[in-house]
């Protein structure tokens, strides 16, 4: 996949699946619980009010690009 900025964002299917699952775990509805780094569960409230979907996807794309370049 090529990002809007022209960078090649190819990643392995395992990495893509892991990233997608992590993102799904974070981007939950306000009443849901999301995992935290220490394995506990924390309530996530209003993340979609902070950033719109395009900003979230752009951030994920940038993160994947950084991983590919590392």
C-alpha atoms as a PDB file:
ATOM      1  CA  UNK A   1       0.000   0.000   0.000  1.00  0.00           C
ATOM      2  CA  UNK A   2       1.222   3.501  -0.735  1.00  0.00           C
ATOM      3  CA  UNK A   3       0.274   6.254   1.699  1.00  0.00           C
ATOM      4  CA  UNK A   4      -0.978   9.667   0.600  1.00  0.00           C
ATOM      5  CA  UNK A   5       2.519  11.027   1.257  1.00  0.00           C
ATOM      6  CA  UNK A   6       3.907   8.559  -1.307  1.00  0.00           C
ATOM      7  CA  UNK A   7       5.742   6.340   1.172  1.00  0.00           C
ATOM      8  CA  UNK A   8       5.562   2.612   0.632  1.00  0.00           C
ATOM      9  CA  UNK A   9       3.759   1.181   3.649  1.00  0.00           C
ATOM     10  CA  UNK A  10       4.101  -2.549   2.984  1.00  0.00           C
ATOM     11  CA  UNK A  11       4.082  -4.603   6.157  1.00  0.00           C
ATOM     12  CA  UNK A  12       3.768  -8.300   6.860  1.00  0.00           C
ATOM     13  CA  UNK A  13       0.256  -9.685   7.248  1.00  0.00           C
ATOM     14  CA  UNK A  14       1.036 -10.608  10.870  1.00  0.00           C
ATOM     15  CA  UNK A  15       2.123  -7.043  11.654  1.00  0.00           C
ATOM     16  CA  UNK A  16      -0.928  -5.613   9.915  1.00  0.00           C
ATOM     17  CA  UNK A  17      -3.264  -7.936  11.820  1.00  0.00           C
ATOM     18  CA  UNK A  18      -1.589  -7.112  15.122  1.00  0.00           C
ATOM     19  CA  UNK A  19      -1.755  -3.376  14.424  1.00  0.00           C
ATOM     20  CA  UNK A  20      -5.396  -3.602  13.387  1.00  0.00           C
ATOM     21  CA  UNK A  21      -6.295  -5.532  16.545  1.00  0.00           C
ATOM     22  CA  UNK A  22      -4.407  -3.096  18.766  1.00  0.00           C
ATOM     23  CA  UNK A  23      -6.153  -0.199  17.067  1.00  0.00           C
ATOM     24  CA  UNK A  24      -9.533  -1.883  17.448  1.00  0.00           C
ATOM     25  CA  UNK A  25      -8.829  -2.462  21.140  1.00  0.00           C
ATOM     26  CA  UNK A  26      -8.088   1.236  21.626  1.00  0.00           C
ATOM     27  CA  UNK A  27     -10.854   2.695  19.464  1.00  0.00           C
ATOM     28  CA  UNK A  28     -13.788   1.322  21.429  1.00  0.00           C
ATOM     29  CA  UNK A  29     -17.063   2.967  22.298  1.00  0.00           C
ATOM     30  CA  UNK A  30     -17.169   5.055  25.457  1.00  0.00           C
ATOM     31  CA  UNK A  31     -18.884   2.354  27.491  1.00  0.00           C
ATOM     32  CA  UNK A  32     -16.448  -0.388  26.496  1.00  0.00           C
ATOM     33  CA  UNK A  33     -13.231  -1.346  28.239  1.00  0.00           C
ATOM     34  CA  UNK A  34      -9.857  -1.298  26.511  1.00  0.00           C
ATOM     35  CA  UNK A  35      -6.662  -3.078  27.596  1.00  0.00           C
ATOM     36  CA  UNK A  36      -3.840  -1.020  29.055  1.00  0.00           C
ATOM     37  CA  UNK A  37      -0.112  -1.714  28.888  1.00  0.00           C
ATOM     38  CA  UNK A  38      -0.112  -3.482  32.252  1.00  0.00           C
ATOM     39  CA  UNK A  39      -2.935  -5.811  31.187  1.00  0.00           C
ATOM     40  CA  UNK A  40      -5.643  -4.145  33.267  1.00  0.00           C
ATOM     41  CA  UNK A  41      -8.784  -2.758  31.705  1.00  0.00           C
ATOM     42  CA  UNK A  42      -9.541   0.950  31.502  1.00  0.00           C
ATOM     43  CA  UNK A  43     -12.593   2.819  30.328  1.00  0.00           C
ATOM     44  CA  UNK A  44     -12.018   4.793  27.135  1.00  0.00           C
ATOM     45  CA  UNK A  45     -14.284   7.786  26.710  1.00  0.00           C
ATOM     46  CA  UNK A  46     -14.802   9.992  23.698  1.00  0.00           C
ATOM     47  CA  UNK A  47     -11.649   9.268  21.684  1.00  0.00           C
ATOM     48  CA  UNK A  48     -13.590   9.907  18.474  1.00  0.00           C
ATOM     49  CA  UNK A  49     -14.403  13.387  19.764  1.00  0.00           C
ATOM     50  CA  UNK A  50     -10.677  14.146  19.965  1.00  0.00           C
ATOM     51  CA  UNK A  51      -9.692  13.073  16.456  1.00  0.00           C
ATOM     52  CA  UNK A  52     -11.775  12.355  13.402  1.00  0.00           C
ATOM     53  CA  UNK A  53     -11.374   9.110  11.501  1.00  0.00           C
ATOM     54  CA  UNK A  54      -9.066  10.577   8.843  1.00  0.00           C
ATOM     55  CA  UNK A  55      -6.671  11.836  11.520  1.00  0.00           C
ATOM     56  CA  UNK A  56      -6.685   8.437  13.225  1.00  0.00           C
ATOM     57  CA  UNK A  57      -6.002   6.614   9.942  1.00  0.00           C
ATOM     58  CA  UNK A  58      -3.245   9.087   9.043  1.00  0.00           C
ATOM     59  CA  UNK A  59      -1.612   8.419  12.412  1.00  0.00           C
ATOM     60  CA  UNK A  60      -1.763   4.664  11.865  1.00  0.00           C
ATOM     61  CA  UNK A  61      -0.293   5.067   8.372  1.00  0.00           C
ATOM     62  CA  UNK A  62       2.556   7.196   9.734  1.00  0.00           C
ATOM     63  CA  UNK A  63       3.261   4.640  12.465  1.00  0.00           C
ATOM     64  CA  UNK A  64       3.374   1.791   9.948  1.00  0.00           C
ATOM     65  CA  UNK A  65       5.695   3.824   7.723  1.00  0.00           C
ATOM     66  CA  UNK A  66       8.036   4.390  10.651  1.00  0.00           C
ATOM     67  CA  UNK A  67       8.072   0.673  11.440  1.00  0.00           C
ATOM     68  CA  UNK A  68       8.862  -0.182   7.826  1.00  0.00           C
ATOM     69  CA  UNK A  69      11.789   2.260   7.772  1.00  0.00           C
ATOM     70  CA  UNK A  70      13.202   1.012  11.094  1.00  0.00           C
END
